[in-house]
Amino acid sequence: MNTSPVIATKQVGLNLRLAVAACSFISELMISGAIYGGMQEQNVGR
């Protein structure tokens, strides 16, 4: 098992990018969900 620092660094960078993508995706889902929920409440209020 010879893991060079370059490969390890690339792996960490990939993991970081995946984590950031997942976080932004989840936050977008929550934001769109909140907007959709707000629209539903307005429709019910009418």
PDB file of N, CA and C in Angstrom:
ATOM      1  N   MET A   1       0.858  -1.194   0.000  1.00  0.00           N
ATOM      2  CA  MET A   1       0.000   0.000   0.000  1.00  0.00           C
ATOM      3  C   MET A   1       0.887   1.235   0.000  1.00  0.00           C
ATOM      4  N   ASN A   2       0.972   1.883  -1.142  1.00  0.00           N
ATOM      5  CA  ASN A   2       1.792   3.085  -1.251  1.00  0.00           C
ATOM      6  C   ASN A   2       0.898   4.228  -1.692  1.00  0.00           C
ATOM      7  N   THR A   3       0.352   4.942  -0.719  1.00  0.00           N
ATOM      8  CA  THR A   3      -0.513   6.080  -1.028  1.00  0.00           C
ATOM      9  C   THR A   3       0.323   7.347  -0.983  1.00  0.00           C
ATOM     10  N   SER A   4       0.535   7.939  -2.145  1.00  0.00           N
ATOM     11  CA  SER A   4       1.343   9.154  -2.203  1.00  0.00           C
ATOM     12  C   SER A   4       0.529  10.335  -1.685  1.00  0.00           C
ATOM     13  N   PRO A   5       1.193  11.351  -1.168  1.00  0.00           N
ATOM     14  CA  PRO A   5       0.473  12.528  -0.637  1.00  0.00           C
ATOM     15  C   PRO A   5      -0.409  13.191  -1.694  1.00  0.00           C
ATOM     16  N   VAL A   6       0.030  13.118  -2.958  1.00  0.00           N
ATOM     17  CA  VAL A   6      -0.747  13.775  -4.020  1.00  0.00           C
ATOM     18  C   VAL A   6      -2.121  13.110  -4.145  1.00  0.00           C
ATOM     19  N   ILE A   7      -2.144  11.782  -4.152  1.00  0.00           N
ATOM     20  CA  ILE A   7      -3.415  11.064  -4.271  1.00  0.00           C
ATOM     21  C   ILE A   7      -4.286  11.357  -3.050  1.00  0.00           C
ATOM     22  N   ALA A   8      -3.687  11.360  -1.873  1.00  0.00           N
ATOM     23  CA  ALA A   8      -4.446  11.625  -0.651  1.00  0.00           C
ATOM     24  C   ALA A   8      -5.049  13.029  -0.714  1.00  0.00           C
ATOM     25  N   THR A   9      -4.252  13.996  -1.176  1.00  0.00           N
ATOM     26  CA  THR A   9      -4.755  15.368  -1.262  1.00  0.00           C
ATOM     27  C   THR A   9      -5.900  15.454  -2.256  1.00  0.00           C
ATOM     28  N   LYS A  10      -5.754  14.776  -3.391  1.00  0.00           N
ATOM     29  CA  LYS A  10      -6.836  14.787  -4.382  1.00  0.00           C
ATOM     30  C   LYS A  10      -8.096  14.166  -3.795  1.00  0.00           C
ATOM     31  N   GLN A  11      -7.933  13.083  -3.039  1.00  0.00           N
ATOM     32  CA  GLN A  11      -9.097  12.417  -2.443  1.00  0.00           C
ATOM     33  C   GLN A  11      -9.795  13.353  -1.463  1.00  0.00           C
ATOM     34  N   VAL A  12      -9.007  14.045  -0.631  1.00  0.00           N
ATOM     35  CA  VAL A  12      -9.600  14.981   0.334  1.00  0.00           C
ATOM     36  C   VAL A  12     -10.323  16.107  -0.402  1.00  0.00           C
ATOM     37  N   GLY A  13      -9.698  16.616  -1.468  1.00  0.00           N
ATOM     38  CA  GLY A  13     -10.327  17.683  -2.240  1.00  0.00           C
ATOM     39  C   GLY A  13     -11.641  17.218  -2.841  1.00  0.00           C
ATOM     40  N   LEU A  14     -11.664  15.978  -3.336  1.00  0.00           N
ATOM     41  CA  LEU A  14     -12.890  15.439  -3.920  1.00  0.00           C
ATOM     42  C   LEU A  14     -13.971  15.306  -2.859  1.00  0.00           C
ATOM     43  N   ASN A  15     -13.586  14.811  -1.686  1.00  0.00           N
ATOM     44  CA  ASN A  15     -14.552  14.668  -0.589  1.00  0.00           C
ATOM     45  C   ASN A  15     -15.098  16.031  -0.195  1.00  0.00           C
ATOM     46  N   LEU A  16     -14.224  17.036  -0.136  1.00  0.00           N
ATOM     47  CA  LEU A  16     -14.672  18.383   0.231  1.00  0.00           C
ATOM     48  C   LEU A  16     -15.672  18.895  -0.800  1.00  0.00           C
ATOM     49  N   ARG A  17     -15.347  18.684  -2.074  1.00  0.00           N
ATOM     50  CA  ARG A  17     -16.250  19.164  -3.117  1.00  0.00           C
ATOM     51  C   ARG A  17     -17.597  18.452  -3.041  1.00  0.00           C
ATOM     52  N   LEU A  18     -17.559  17.154  -2.776  1.00  0.00           N
ATOM     53  CA  LEU A  18     -18.819  16.403  -2.645  1.00  0.00           C
ATOM     54  C   LEU A  18     -19.626  16.929  -1.464  1.00  0.00           C
ATOM     55  N   ALA A  19     -18.944  17.206  -0.352  1.00  0.00           N
ATOM     56  CA  ALA A  19     -19.644  17.696   0.836  1.00  0.00           C
ATOM     57  C   ALA A  19     -20.270  19.060   0.548  1.00  0.00           C
ATOM     58  N   VAL A  20     -19.524  19.928  -0.123  1.00  0.00           N
ATOM     59  CA  VAL A  20     -20.054  21.263  -0.434  1.00  0.00           C
ATOM     60  C   VAL A  20     -21.244  21.142  -1.375  1.00  0.00           C
ATOM     61  N   ALA A  21     -21.134  20.261  -2.366  1.00  0.00           N
ATOM     62  CA  ALA A  21     -22.241  20.088  -3.312  1.00  0.00           C
ATOM     63  C   ALA A  21     -23.475  19.568  -2.582  1.00  0.00           C
ATOM     64  N   ALA A  22     -23.275  18.609  -1.669  1.00  0.00           N
ATOM     65  CA  ALA A  22     -24.406  18.055  -0.925  1.00  0.00           C
ATOM     66  C   ALA A  22     -25.043  19.136  -0.055  1.00  0.00           C
ATOM     67  N   CYS A  23     -24.214  19.944   0.604  1.00  0.00           N
ATOM     68  CA  CYS A  23     -24.747  20.993   1.486  1.00  0.00           C
ATOM     69  C   CYS A  23     -25.556  22.007   0.676  1.00  0.00           C
ATOM     70  N   SER A  24     -25.016  22.446  -0.452  1.00  0.00           N
ATOM     71  CA  SER A  24     -25.729  23.440  -1.262  1.00  0.00           C
ATOM     72  C   SER A  24     -27.014  22.839  -1.816  1.00  0.00           C
ATOM     73  N   PHE A  25     -26.962  21.534  -2.180  1.00  0.00           N
ATOM     74  CA  PHE A  25     -28.161  20.884  -2.710  1.00  0.00           C
ATOM     75  C   PHE A  25     -29.241  20.815  -1.643  1.00  0.00           C
ATOM     76  N   ILE A  26     -28.847  20.457  -0.416  1.00  0.00           N
ATOM     77  CA  ILE A  26     -29.819  20.349   0.683  1.00  0.00           C
ATOM     78  C   ILE A  26     -30.397  21.722   1.013  1.00  0.00           C
ATOM     79  N   SER A  27     -29.531  22.746   1.050  1.00  0.00           N
ATOM     80  CA  SER A  27     -30.024  24.087   1.378  1.00  0.00           C
ATOM     81  C   SER A  27     -30.978  24.571   0.285  1.00  0.00           C
ATOM     82  N   GLU A  28     -30.672  24.250  -0.976  1.00  0.00           N
ATOM     83  CA  GLU A  28     -31.588  24.646  -2.052  1.00  0.00           C
ATOM     84  C   GLU A  28     -32.928  23.939  -1.895  1.00  0.00           C
ATOM     85  N   LEU A  29     -32.875  22.661  -1.522  1.00  0.00           N
ATOM     86  CA  LEU A  29     -34.120  21.913  -1.314  1.00  0.00           C
ATOM     87  C   LEU A  29     -34.934  22.560  -0.196  1.00  0.00           C
ATOM     88  N   MET A  30     -34.256  22.927   0.901  1.00  0.00           N
ATOM     89  CA  MET A  30     -34.965  23.517   2.039  1.00  0.00           C
ATOM     90  C   MET A  30     -35.562  24.865   1.647  1.00  0.00           C
ATOM     91  N   ILE A  31     -34.789  25.659   0.887  1.00  0.00           N
ATOM     92  CA  ILE A  31     -35.290  26.981   0.488  1.00  0.00           C
ATOM     93  C   ILE A  31     -36.508  26.832  -0.424  1.00  0.00           C
ATOM     94  N   SER A  32     -36.394  25.957  -1.435  1.00  0.00           N
ATOM     95  CA  SER A  32     -37.530  25.769  -2.349  1.00  0.00           C
ATOM     96  C   SER A  32     -38.708  25.168  -1.586  1.00  0.00           C
ATOM     97  N   GLY A  33     -38.431  24.289  -0.627  1.00  0.00           N
ATOM     98  CA  GLY A  33     -39.499  23.715   0.176  1.00  0.00           C
ATOM     99  C   GLY A  33     -40.198  24.790   1.002  1.00  0.00           C
ATOM    100  N   ALA A  34     -39.416  25.719   1.551  1.00  0.00           N
ATOM    101  CA  ALA A  34     -40.003  26.792   2.349  1.00  0.00           C
ATOM    102  C   ALA A  34     -40.845  27.697   1.463  1.00  0.00           C
ATOM    103  N   ILE A  35     -40.354  28.003   0.263  1.00  0.00           N
ATOM    104  CA  ILE A  35     -41.121  28.854  -0.655  1.00  0.00           C
ATOM    105  C   ILE A  35     -42.411  28.156  -1.053  1.00  0.00           C
ATOM    106  N   TYR A  36     -42.302  26.859  -1.370  1.00  0.00           N
ATOM    107  CA  TYR A  36     -43.488  26.095  -1.764  1.00  0.00           C
ATOM    108  C   TYR A  36     -44.472  26.030  -0.597  1.00  0.00           C
ATOM    109  N   GLY A  37     -43.966  25.793   0.614  1.00  0.00           N
ATOM    110  CA  GLY A  37     -44.834  25.747   1.784  1.00  0.00           C
ATOM    111  C   GLY A  37     -45.523  27.089   1.999  1.00  0.00           C
ATOM    112  N   GLY A  38     -44.805  28.179   1.801  1.00  0.00           N
ATOM    113  CA  GLY A  38     -45.392  29.504   1.964  1.00  0.00           C
ATOM    114  C   GLY A  38     -46.496  29.737   0.945  1.00  0.00           C
ATOM    115  N   MET A  39     -46.277  29.299  -0.290  1.00  0.00           N
ATOM    116  CA  MET A  39     -47.303  29.457  -1.315  1.00  0.00           C
ATOM    117  C   MET A  39     -48.536  28.640  -0.954  1.00  0.00           C
ATOM    118  N   GLN A  40     -48.315  27.437  -0.448  1.00  0.00           N
ATOM    119  CA  GLN A  40     -49.454  26.596  -0.060  1.00  0.00           C
ATOM    120  C   GLN A  40     -50.258  27.283   1.048  1.00  0.00           C
ATOM    121  N   GLU A  41     -49.562  27.861   2.032  1.00  0.00           N
ATOM    122  CA  GLU A  41     -50.263  28.521   3.137  1.00  0.00           C
ATOM    123  C   GLU A  41     -51.073  29.704   2.610  1.00  0.00           C
ATOM    124  N   GLN A  42     -50.505  30.462   1.670  1.00  0.00           N
ATOM    125  CA  GLN A  42     -51.237  31.603   1.111  1.00  0.00           C
ATOM    126  C   GLN A  42     -52.482  31.126   0.378  1.00  0.00           C
ATOM    127  N   ASN A  43     -52.357  30.027  -0.375  1.00  0.00           N
ATOM    128  CA  ASN A  43     -53.524  29.509  -1.114  1.00  0.00           C
ATOM    129  C   ASN A  43     -54.601  29.063  -0.143  1.00  0.00           C
ATOM    130  N   VAL A  44     -54.183  28.430   0.964  1.00  0.00           N
ATOM    131  CA  VAL A  44     -55.172  27.960   1.947  1.00  0.00           C
ATOM    132  C   VAL A  44     -55.819  29.157   2.638  1.00  0.00           C
ATOM    133  N   GLY A  45     -55.035  30.221   2.861  1.00  0.00           N
ATOM    134  CA  GLY A  45     -55.561  31.382   3.567  1.00  0.00           C
ATOM    135  C   GLY A  45     -56.659  32.066   2.774  1.00  0.00           C
ATOM    136  N   ARG A  46     -56.617  31.956   1.459  1.00  0.00           N
ATOM    137  CA  ARG A  46     -57.607  32.660   0.655  1.00  0.00           C
ATOM    138  C   ARG A  46     -58.945  32.027   0.714  1.00  0.00           C
TER     139      ARG A  46
END
